[in-house]
Amino acid sequence: MSLSFETKPTLVAYVTCGDPDLETAREIVLAAIEAGAGVIELGVPFSDPVADGPVIQRASERALRQGTTLEKVLKLAGEIRRCSQVGMIAFSYLNPILKFGLKNFCDAGEEAGLDGALVTDLPVEEADGYLQEMRSRRLSTVFLAAPTSTDHRLRSIAKSSSGFVYAVSRTGVTGAKEALPEDLPALIRSARRATDLPIAVGFGISQPGHVTVLGGLADAAVIGSALVAEIEEAAGGVQSREGITAAAKALHARIRGLKQAAQHGLSRREVAP
């Protein structure tokens, strides 16, 4: 198990665990892996997801109604790890981790086979205790770099990060968009100057064309809201075998299409003069 970005851009698939239930989450994660996702982000539902747009907010609400907790997400991670050695991180807000206990979280994450975590609302300036606990278990610590991040802050983010750096493509909340921001290349160049770690780009990545473009800029493309929306539509929020199968098939098809776009972009670069 490791975070690998040999194919550029590697597809990073985000799934809100527990939406519409944990059994479905397991099936759709395995479908995403089979379709070509190189890293999985296991989203921990939270009641106040301030960085997320309406699609993931609704997914979190559905998951919380099912009684999904951080502890159950970590148990799910262990089940997935027994089936696959793909890269896998927990994607959480800080509050569920503090409620569970930081040491307990790191112990359980290591035991489950996680490669690391991204804590959305934990700034590097307040992360000393978190970094110490995670590093003692060789778990990667992924931090967010925003378009508004200064060069000084990017260096701080790079110093605290391991595994990869997550570059937020635009300010605001998560959600699929039609076009990539014009200033995204500048952000990636600034991050490259600050770190040798792989750079993954997320927030608004939803279309094959986005993935093709990112292949020439970044190491990975994070697909979140677009996948969660596929699950929402296919499963219809219903706990049933039909809903699970439909959600898994829809996610598989979306990832497969994005994977083909990534491969197409790679082929074009390989034959370019």
C-alpha atoms as a PDB file:
ATOM      1  CA  MET A   1       0.000   0.000   0.000  1.00  0.00           C
ATOM      2  CA  SER A   2       1.370   3.393  -0.982  1.00  0.00           C
ATOM      3  CA  LEU A   3       0.499   6.693  -2.580  1.00  0.00           C
ATOM      4  CA  SER A   4       1.737   6.329  -6.131  1.00  0.00           C
ATOM      5  CA  PHE A   5       1.517   8.880  -8.950  1.00  0.00           C
ATOM      6  CA  GLU A   6       3.405   7.109 -11.711  1.00  0.00           C
ATOM      7  CA  THR A   7       0.643   7.743 -14.273  1.00  0.00           C
ATOM      8  CA  LYS A   8      -0.027  11.441 -14.757  1.00  0.00           C
ATOM      9  CA  PRO A   9      -2.549  12.496 -13.970  1.00  0.00           C
ATOM     10  CA  THR A  10      -3.391   9.799 -11.442  1.00  0.00           C
ATOM     11  CA  LEU A  11      -7.115   9.796 -10.679  1.00  0.00           C
ATOM     12  CA  VAL A  12      -7.975  10.435  -7.039  1.00  0.00           C
ATOM     13  CA  ALA A  13     -11.585   9.441  -6.309  1.00  0.00           C
ATOM     14  CA  TYR A  14     -13.481  10.969  -3.388  1.00  0.00           C
ATOM     15  CA  VAL A  15     -16.427   9.088  -1.875  1.00  0.00           C
ATOM     16  CA  THR A  16     -18.597  10.200   1.044  1.00  0.00           C
ATOM     17  CA  CYS A  17     -18.635   7.108   3.239  1.00  0.00           C
ATOM     18  CA  GLY A  18     -22.100   6.043   4.346  1.00  0.00           C
ATOM     19  CA  ASP A  19     -23.926   7.557   1.379  1.00  0.00           C
ATOM     20  CA  PRO A  20     -26.440   6.127   1.011  1.00  0.00           C
ATOM     21  CA  ASP A  21     -25.004   3.470   3.355  1.00  0.00           C
ATOM     22  CA  LEU A  22     -21.677   1.872   4.221  1.00  0.00           C
ATOM     23  CA  GLU A  23     -22.286  -1.256   2.160  1.00  0.00           C
ATOM     24  CA  THR A  24     -22.815   0.895  -0.913  1.00  0.00           C
ATOM     25  CA  ALA A  25     -19.686   2.911  -0.113  1.00  0.00           C
ATOM     26  CA  ARG A  26     -17.624  -0.264  -0.036  1.00  0.00           C
ATOM     27  CA  GLU A  27     -19.009  -1.446  -3.371  1.00  0.00           C
ATOM     28  CA  ILE A  28     -18.502   1.864  -5.135  1.00  0.00           C
ATOM     29  CA  VAL A  29     -14.953   2.284  -3.819  1.00  0.00           C
ATOM     30  CA  LEU A  30     -14.051  -1.144  -5.159  1.00  0.00           C
ATOM     31  CA  ALA A  31     -15.733  -0.224  -8.462  1.00  0.00           C
ATOM     32  CA  ALA A  32     -13.668   2.978  -8.624  1.00  0.00           C
ATOM     33  CA  ILE A  33     -10.471   1.027  -8.023  1.00  0.00           C
ATOM     34  CA  GLU A  34     -11.367  -1.535 -10.674  1.00  0.00           C
ATOM     35  CA  ALA A  35     -12.079   1.284 -13.137  1.00  0.00           C
ATOM     36  CA  GLY A  36      -8.646   2.824 -12.628  1.00  0.00           C
ATOM     37  CA  ALA A  37      -8.641   5.178  -9.633  1.00  0.00           C
ATOM     38  CA  GLY A  38      -5.096   5.325  -8.241  1.00  0.00           C
ATOM     39  CA  VAL A  39      -5.933   6.878  -4.862  1.00  0.00           C
ATOM     40  CA  ILE A  40      -9.141   6.790  -2.832  1.00  0.00           C
ATOM     41  CA  GLU A  41     -10.265   9.573  -0.507  1.00  0.00           C
ATOM     42  CA  LEU A  42     -12.632   8.217   2.117  1.00  0.00           C
ATOM     43  CA  GLY A  43     -14.816  11.172   3.045  1.00  0.00           C
ATOM     44  CA  VAL A  44     -15.905  11.314   6.689  1.00  0.00           C
ATOM     45  CA  PRO A  45     -19.380  12.886   6.901  1.00  0.00           C
ATOM     46  CA  PHE A  46     -19.655  15.977   9.081  1.00  0.00           C
ATOM     47  CA  SER A  47     -22.630  18.091  10.118  1.00  0.00           C
ATOM     48  CA  ASP A  48     -21.013  21.414   9.142  1.00  0.00           C
ATOM     49  CA  PRO A  49     -18.950  20.789   5.972  1.00  0.00           C
ATOM     50  CA  VAL A  50     -18.042  24.429   5.331  1.00  0.00           C
ATOM     51  CA  ALA A  51     -15.606  23.659   2.491  1.00  0.00           C
ATOM     52  CA  ASP A  52     -18.111  21.576   0.556  1.00  0.00           C
ATOM     53  CA  GLY A  53     -20.787  22.523  -1.927  1.00  0.00           C
ATOM     54  CA  PRO A  54     -24.404  21.294  -1.960  1.00  0.00           C
ATOM     55  CA  VAL A  55     -23.711  17.893  -3.555  1.00  0.00           C
ATOM     56  CA  ILE A  56     -21.321  16.734  -0.833  1.00  0.00           C
ATOM     57  CA  GLN A  57     -23.371  18.495   1.849  1.00  0.00           C
ATOM     58  CA  ARG A  58     -26.375  16.379   0.894  1.00  0.00           C
ATOM     59  CA  ALA A  59     -24.216  13.251   0.857  1.00  0.00           C
ATOM     60  CA  SER A  60     -22.943  14.018   4.356  1.00  0.00           C
ATOM     61  CA  GLU A  61     -26.496  14.516   5.600  1.00  0.00           C
ATOM     62  CA  ARG A  62     -27.577  11.164   4.182  1.00  0.00           C
ATOM     63  CA  ALA A  63     -24.548   9.421   5.651  1.00  0.00           C
ATOM     64  CA  LEU A  64     -25.088  10.937   9.082  1.00  0.00           C
ATOM     65  CA  ARG A  65     -28.714   9.806   9.039  1.00  0.00           C
ATOM     66  CA  GLN A  66     -27.373   6.287   8.547  1.00  0.00           C
ATOM     67  CA  GLY A  67     -25.303   6.675  11.710  1.00  0.00           C
ATOM     68  CA  THR A  68     -21.947   6.866   9.905  1.00  0.00           C
ATOM     69  CA  THR A  69     -19.086   7.820  12.232  1.00  0.00           C
ATOM     70  CA  LEU A  70     -15.345   8.203  11.889  1.00  0.00           C
ATOM     71  CA  GLU A  71     -14.905   4.883  13.675  1.00  0.00           C
ATOM     72  CA  LYS A  72     -17.121   3.154  11.103  1.00  0.00           C
ATOM     73  CA  VAL A  73     -15.237   4.830   8.240  1.00  0.00           C
ATOM     74  CA  LEU A  74     -11.956   3.488   9.603  1.00  0.00           C
ATOM     75  CA  LYS A  75     -13.492   0.026   9.859  1.00  0.00           C
ATOM     76  CA  LEU A  76     -14.575   0.383   6.226  1.00  0.00           C
ATOM     77  CA  ALA A  77     -11.006   1.367   5.308  1.00  0.00           C
ATOM     78  CA  GLY A  78      -9.758  -1.878   6.813  1.00  0.00           C
ATOM     79  CA  GLU A  79     -12.271  -3.876   4.757  1.00  0.00           C
ATOM     80  CA  ILE A  80     -11.187  -2.131   1.556  1.00  0.00           C
ATOM     81  CA  ARG A  81      -7.518  -2.610   2.393  1.00  0.00           C
ATOM     82  CA  ARG A  82      -8.031  -6.359   2.608  1.00  0.00           C
ATOM     83  CA  CYS A  83      -9.264  -6.238  -1.005  1.00  0.00           C
ATOM     84  CA  SER A  84      -6.828  -3.757  -2.542  1.00  0.00           C
ATOM     85  CA  GLN A  85      -3.422  -2.154  -2.101  1.00  0.00           C
ATOM     86  CA  VAL A  86      -4.424   1.106  -3.816  1.00  0.00           C
ATOM     87  CA  GLY A  87      -3.460   4.379  -2.131  1.00  0.00           C
ATOM     88  CA  MET A  88      -6.073   5.395   0.438  1.00  0.00           C
ATOM     89  CA  ILE A  89      -6.451   8.418   2.703  1.00  0.00           C
ATOM     90  CA  ALA A  90      -9.101   9.658   5.098  1.00  0.00           C
ATOM     91  CA  PHE A  91     -10.639  13.022   4.187  1.00  0.00           C
ATOM     92  CA  SER A  92     -12.112  14.607   7.297  1.00  0.00           C
ATOM     93  CA  TYR A  93     -12.839  17.766   9.178  1.00  0.00           C
ATOM     94  CA  LEU A  94     -11.043  18.193  12.484  1.00  0.00           C
ATOM     95  CA  ASN A  95     -14.047  17.903  14.792  1.00  0.00           C
ATOM     96  CA  PRO A  96     -14.748  14.170  14.214  1.00  0.00           C
ATOM     97  CA  ILE A  97     -11.053  13.426  14.849  1.00  0.00           C
ATOM     98  CA  LEU A  98     -10.997  15.385  18.089  1.00  0.00           C
ATOM     99  CA  LYS A  99     -14.183  13.669  19.229  1.00  0.00           C
ATOM    100  CA  PHE A 100     -12.708  10.260  18.449  1.00  0.00           C
ATOM    101  CA  GLY A 101      -9.334  11.227  19.933  1.00  0.00           C
ATOM    102  CA  LEU A 102      -6.258  12.138  17.911  1.00  0.00           C
ATOM    103  CA  LYS A 103      -4.164   9.217  19.158  1.00  0.00           C
ATOM    104  CA  ASN A 104      -7.088   6.822  18.662  1.00  0.00           C
ATOM    105  CA  PHE A 105      -7.528   8.113  15.114  1.00  0.00           C
ATOM    106  CA  CYS A 106      -3.872   7.610  14.233  1.00  0.00           C
ATOM    107  CA  ASP A 107      -3.770   4.157  15.837  1.00  0.00           C
ATOM    108  CA  ALA A 108      -6.939   3.056  14.058  1.00  0.00           C
ATOM    109  CA  GLY A 109      -5.794   4.553  10.752  1.00  0.00           C
ATOM    110  CA  GLU A 110      -2.510   2.679  10.914  1.00  0.00           C
ATOM    111  CA  GLU A 111      -4.268  -0.565  11.833  1.00  0.00           C
ATOM    112  CA  ALA A 112      -6.794  -0.133   9.002  1.00  0.00           C
ATOM    113  CA  GLY A 113      -4.028   0.309   6.448  1.00  0.00           C
ATOM    114  CA  LEU A 114      -4.596   3.954   5.594  1.00  0.00           C
ATOM    115  CA  ASP A 115      -1.748   5.747   3.858  1.00  0.00           C
ATOM    116  CA  GLY A 116      -2.566   9.076   5.454  1.00  0.00           C
ATOM    117  CA  ALA A 117      -5.167  11.766   5.945  1.00  0.00           C
ATOM    118  CA  LEU A 118      -6.271  15.201   4.822  1.00  0.00           C
ATOM    119  CA  VAL A 119      -7.905  17.288   7.552  1.00  0.00           C
ATOM    120  CA  THR A 120      -9.732  20.012   5.656  1.00  0.00           C
ATOM    121  CA  ASP A 121      -9.918  22.689   8.334  1.00  0.00           C
ATOM    122  CA  LEU A 122      -6.618  22.063  10.145  1.00  0.00           C
ATOM    123  CA  PRO A 123      -4.119  24.861   9.321  1.00  0.00           C
ATOM    124  CA  VAL A 124      -0.428  23.993   9.353  1.00  0.00           C
ATOM    125  CA  GLU A 125       0.127  26.576  12.111  1.00  0.00           C
ATOM    126  CA  GLU A 126      -1.944  24.478  14.524  1.00  0.00           C
ATOM    127  CA  ALA A 127      -0.907  21.021  13.370  1.00  0.00           C
ATOM    128  CA  ASP A 128       2.128  20.209  15.551  1.00  0.00           C
ATOM    129  CA  GLY A 129       0.419  17.557  17.675  1.00  0.00           C
ATOM    130  CA  TYR A 130      -1.267  16.025  14.650  1.00  0.00           C
ATOM    131  CA  LEU A 131       1.999  15.903  12.715  1.00  0.00           C
ATOM    132  CA  GLN A 132       3.815  14.237  15.599  1.00  0.00           C
ATOM    133  CA  GLU A 133       1.199  11.502  15.996  1.00  0.00           C
ATOM    134  CA  MET A 134       0.874  10.867  12.258  1.00  0.00           C
ATOM    135  CA  ARG A 135       4.603  10.834  11.570  1.00  0.00           C
ATOM    136  CA  SER A 136       5.258   8.417  14.414  1.00  0.00           C
ATOM    137  CA  ARG A 137       3.052   5.939  12.525  1.00  0.00           C
ATOM    138  CA  ARG A 138       4.447   6.824   9.078  1.00  0.00           C
ATOM    139  CA  LEU A 139       1.076   8.124   7.944  1.00  0.00           C
ATOM    140  CA  SER A 140       1.101  10.813   5.263  1.00  0.00           C
ATOM    141  CA  THR A 141      -0.166  14.290   6.114  1.00  0.00           C
ATOM    142  CA  VAL A 142      -1.798  16.056   3.170  1.00  0.00           C
ATOM    143  CA  PHE A 143      -2.490  19.787   3.369  1.00  0.00           C
ATOM    144  CA  LEU A 144      -4.385  22.168   1.117  1.00  0.00           C
ATOM    145  CA  ALA A 145      -2.719  24.885  -0.977  1.00  0.00           C
ATOM    146  CA  ALA A 146      -5.113  27.585  -2.183  1.00  0.00           C
ATOM    147  CA  PRO A 147      -4.900  30.171  -4.976  1.00  0.00           C
ATOM    148  CA  THR A 148      -4.618  32.780  -2.219  1.00  0.00           C
ATOM    149  CA  SER A 149      -1.634  31.058  -0.549  1.00  0.00           C
ATOM    150  CA  THR A 150       1.478  33.227  -0.478  1.00  0.00           C
ATOM    151  CA  ASP A 151       4.892  31.806  -1.337  1.00  0.00           C
ATOM    152  CA  HIS A 152       5.748  31.816   2.366  1.00  0.00           C
ATOM    153  CA  ARG A 153       2.614  29.854   3.212  1.00  0.00           C
ATOM    154  CA  LEU A 154       3.214  27.411   0.374  1.00  0.00           C
ATOM    155  CA  ARG A 155       6.626  26.663   1.867  1.00  0.00           C
ATOM    156  CA  SER A 156       4.994  26.013   5.260  1.00  0.00           C
ATOM    157  CA  ILE A 157       2.414  23.745   3.644  1.00  0.00           C
ATOM    158  CA  ALA A 158       5.142  21.865   1.792  1.00  0.00           C
ATOM    159  CA  LYS A 159       7.190  21.439   4.968  1.00  0.00           C
ATOM    160  CA  SER A 160       4.235  19.915   6.817  1.00  0.00           C
ATOM    161  CA  SER A 161       3.006  17.760   3.931  1.00  0.00           C
ATOM    162  CA  SER A 162       3.949  14.231   2.990  1.00  0.00           C
ATOM    163  CA  GLY A 163       2.459  11.960   0.364  1.00  0.00           C
ATOM    164  CA  PHE A 164       1.297  14.822  -1.834  1.00  0.00           C
ATOM    165  CA  VAL A 165       0.097  18.418  -1.764  1.00  0.00           C
ATOM    166  CA  TYR A 166      -3.551  19.093  -2.576  1.00  0.00           C
ATOM    167  CA  ALA A 167      -3.863  22.229  -4.712  1.00  0.00           C
ATOM    168  CA  VAL A 168      -7.333  23.774  -4.504  1.00  0.00           C
ATOM    169  CA  SER A 169      -8.105  24.936  -8.031  1.00  0.00           C
ATOM    170  CA  ARG A 170     -10.224  27.892  -6.961  1.00  0.00           C
ATOM    171  CA  THR A 171     -11.524  29.736  -3.933  1.00  0.00           C
ATOM    172  CA  GLY A 172     -14.919  28.745  -2.559  1.00  0.00           C
ATOM    173  CA  VAL A 173     -16.495  25.354  -1.919  1.00  0.00           C
ATOM    174  CA  THR A 174     -16.335  22.049  -3.753  1.00  0.00           C
ATOM    175  CA  GLY A 175     -18.492  21.459  -6.796  1.00  0.00           C
ATOM    176  CA  ALA A 176     -18.269  20.567 -10.478  1.00  0.00           C
ATOM    177  CA  LYS A 177     -17.474  23.421 -12.880  1.00  0.00           C
ATOM    178  CA  GLU A 178     -17.418  23.792 -16.647  1.00  0.00           C
ATOM    179  CA  ALA A 179     -13.932  25.287 -16.985  1.00  0.00           C
ATOM    180  CA  LEU A 180     -10.679  25.246 -15.061  1.00  0.00           C
ATOM    181  CA  PRO A 181      -9.581  28.578 -13.546  1.00  0.00           C
ATOM    182  CA  GLU A 182      -7.211  30.632 -15.667  1.00  0.00           C
ATOM    183  CA  ASP A 183      -4.832  31.152 -12.745  1.00  0.00           C
ATOM    184  CA  LEU A 184      -4.493  27.431 -11.983  1.00  0.00           C
ATOM    185  CA  PRO A 185      -1.170  26.988 -13.861  1.00  0.00           C
ATOM    186  CA  ALA A 186       0.333  29.823 -11.792  1.00  0.00           C
ATOM    187  CA  LEU A 187      -0.717  28.111  -8.555  1.00  0.00           C
ATOM    188  CA  ILE A 188       0.797  24.809  -9.659  1.00  0.00           C
ATOM    189  CA  ARG A 189       4.049  26.520 -10.669  1.00  0.00           C
ATOM    190  CA  SER A 190       4.242  28.211  -7.266  1.00  0.00           C
ATOM    191  CA  ALA A 191       3.621  24.898  -5.513  1.00  0.00           C
ATOM    192  CA  ARG A 192       6.306  23.220  -7.643  1.00  0.00           C
ATOM    193  CA  ARG A 193       8.822  25.811  -6.474  1.00  0.00           C
ATOM    194  CA  ALA A 194       7.935  25.010  -2.856  1.00  0.00           C
ATOM    195  CA  THR A 195       8.006  21.209  -2.940  1.00  0.00           C
ATOM    196  CA  ASP A 196       9.180  18.095  -4.744  1.00  0.00           C
ATOM    197  CA  LEU A 197       6.067  16.229  -3.607  1.00  0.00           C
ATOM    198  CA  PRO A 198       3.417  15.214  -6.145  1.00  0.00           C
ATOM    199  CA  ILE A 199       0.698  17.808  -6.637  1.00  0.00           C
ATOM    200  CA  ALA A 200      -2.959  16.823  -6.891  1.00  0.00           C
ATOM    201  CA  VAL A 201      -5.552  19.321  -8.098  1.00  0.00           C
ATOM    202  CA  GLY A 202      -9.129  19.267  -6.839  1.00  0.00           C
ATOM    203  CA  PHE A 203     -12.314  21.375  -6.476  1.00  0.00           C
ATOM    204  CA  GLY A 204     -14.292  21.625  -9.698  1.00  0.00           C
ATOM    205  CA  ILE A 205     -12.619  18.773 -11.605  1.00  0.00           C
ATOM    206  CA  SER A 206     -15.428  16.890 -13.333  1.00  0.00           C
ATOM    207  CA  GLN A 207     -14.924  16.459 -17.071  1.00  0.00           C
ATOM    208  CA  PRO A 208     -12.603  14.398 -19.273  1.00  0.00           C
ATOM    209  CA  GLY A 209     -11.210  17.618 -20.739  1.00  0.00           C
ATOM    210  CA  HIS A 210     -10.188  18.791 -17.272  1.00  0.00           C
ATOM    211  CA  VAL A 211      -8.252  15.584 -16.714  1.00  0.00           C
ATOM    212  CA  THR A 212      -6.548  15.827 -20.102  1.00  0.00           C
ATOM    213  CA  VAL A 213      -5.394  19.381 -19.377  1.00  0.00           C
ATOM    214  CA  LEU A 214      -4.198  18.517 -15.877  1.00  0.00           C
ATOM    215  CA  GLY A 215      -2.039  15.740 -17.293  1.00  0.00           C
ATOM    216  CA  GLY A 216       0.331  18.417 -18.516  1.00  0.00           C
ATOM    217  CA  LEU A 217       0.285  20.369 -15.266  1.00  0.00           C
ATOM    218  CA  ALA A 218      -0.207  18.207 -12.190  1.00  0.00           C
ATOM    219  CA  ASP A 219       0.481  14.710 -10.917  1.00  0.00           C
ATOM    220  CA  ALA A 220      -3.108  13.886 -10.002  1.00  0.00           C
ATOM    221  CA  ALA A 221      -6.693  15.011 -10.547  1.00  0.00           C
ATOM    222  CA  VAL A 222      -9.131  14.762  -7.646  1.00  0.00           C
ATOM    223  CA  ILE A 223     -12.712  13.946  -8.661  1.00  0.00           C
ATOM    224  CA  GLY A 224     -15.202  14.559  -5.863  1.00  0.00           C
ATOM    225  CA  SER A 225     -18.558  16.235  -6.382  1.00  0.00           C
ATOM    226  CA  ALA A 226     -18.982  14.767  -9.864  1.00  0.00           C
ATOM    227  CA  LEU A 227     -18.665  11.232  -8.483  1.00  0.00           C
ATOM    228  CA  VAL A 228     -20.883  11.914  -5.475  1.00  0.00           C
ATOM    229  CA  ALA A 229     -23.530  13.306  -7.838  1.00  0.00           C
ATOM    230  CA  GLU A 230     -23.360  10.108  -9.919  1.00  0.00           C
ATOM    231  CA  ILE A 231     -23.935   8.058  -6.774  1.00  0.00           C
ATOM    232  CA  GLU A 232     -26.804  10.294  -5.668  1.00  0.00           C
ATOM    233  CA  GLU A 233     -28.591   9.975  -8.981  1.00  0.00           C
ATOM    234  CA  ALA A 234     -27.980   6.262  -9.473  1.00  0.00           C
ATOM    235  CA  ALA A 235     -28.766   5.081  -5.961  1.00  0.00           C
ATOM    236  CA  GLY A 236     -31.605   7.504  -5.418  1.00  0.00           C
ATOM    237  CA  GLY A 237     -30.807   7.502  -1.719  1.00  0.00           C
ATOM    238  CA  VAL A 238     -32.366   4.050  -1.439  1.00  0.00           C
ATOM    239  CA  GLN A 239     -30.774   1.177   0.441  1.00  0.00           C
ATOM    240  CA  SER A 240     -31.317  -1.704  -1.947  1.00  0.00           C
ATOM    241  CA  ARG A 241     -29.274  -4.141  -3.973  1.00  0.00           C
ATOM    242  CA  GLU A 242     -30.519  -2.417  -7.116  1.00  0.00           C
ATOM    243  CA  GLY A 243     -29.381   0.959  -5.791  1.00  0.00           C
ATOM    244  CA  ILE A 244     -25.971  -0.363  -4.796  1.00  0.00           C
ATOM    245  CA  THR A 245     -25.458  -2.008  -8.188  1.00  0.00           C
ATOM    246  CA  ALA A 246     -26.596   1.087 -10.059  1.00  0.00           C
ATOM    247  CA  ALA A 247     -24.323   3.377  -8.042  1.00  0.00           C
ATOM    248  CA  ALA A 248     -21.316   1.105  -8.515  1.00  0.00           C
ATOM    249  CA  LYS A 249     -21.922   0.855 -12.270  1.00  0.00           C
ATOM    250  CA  ALA A 250     -22.374   4.614 -12.635  1.00  0.00           C
ATOM    251  CA  LEU A 251     -19.189   5.356 -10.727  1.00  0.00           C
ATOM    252  CA  HIS A 252     -17.267   2.725 -12.686  1.00  0.00           C
ATOM    253  CA  ALA A 253     -18.384   4.276 -15.974  1.00  0.00           C
ATOM    254  CA  ARG A 254     -17.469   7.808 -14.881  1.00  0.00           C
ATOM    255  CA  ILE A 255     -14.013   6.775 -13.643  1.00  0.00           C
ATOM    256  CA  ARG A 256     -13.398   4.713 -16.779  1.00  0.00           C
ATOM    257  CA  GLY A 257     -14.187   7.689 -18.985  1.00  0.00           C
ATOM    258  CA  LEU A 258     -11.895   9.958 -16.991  1.00  0.00           C
ATOM    259  CA  LYS A 259      -9.159   7.324 -17.042  1.00  0.00           C
ATOM    260  CA  GLN A 260      -9.387   7.138 -20.825  1.00  0.00           C
ATOM    261  CA  ALA A 261      -9.084  10.928 -20.973  1.00  0.00           C
ATOM    262  CA  ALA A 262      -5.953  10.743 -18.830  1.00  0.00           C
ATOM    263  CA  GLN A 263      -4.462   8.085 -21.083  1.00  0.00           C
ATOM    264  CA  HIS A 264      -5.364  10.097 -24.184  1.00  0.00           C
ATOM    265  CA  GLY A 265      -3.615  13.139 -22.755  1.00  0.00           C
ATOM    266  CA  LEU A 266      -0.540  11.046 -21.964  1.00  0.00           C
ATOM    267  CA  SER A 267      -0.435   9.611 -25.488  1.00  0.00           C
ATOM    268  CA  ARG A 268      -0.612  13.089 -26.995  1.00  0.00           C
ATOM    269  CA  ARG A 269       2.303  14.262 -24.856  1.00  0.00           C
ATOM    270  CA  GLU A 270       4.368  11.177 -25.720  1.00  0.00           C
ATOM    271  CA  VAL A 271       4.103  11.828 -29.474  1.00  0.00           C
ATOM    272  CA  ALA A 272       4.445  15.589 -29.257  1.00  0.00           C
ATOM    273  CA  PRO A 273       7.632  16.983 -30.863  1.00  0.00           C
END
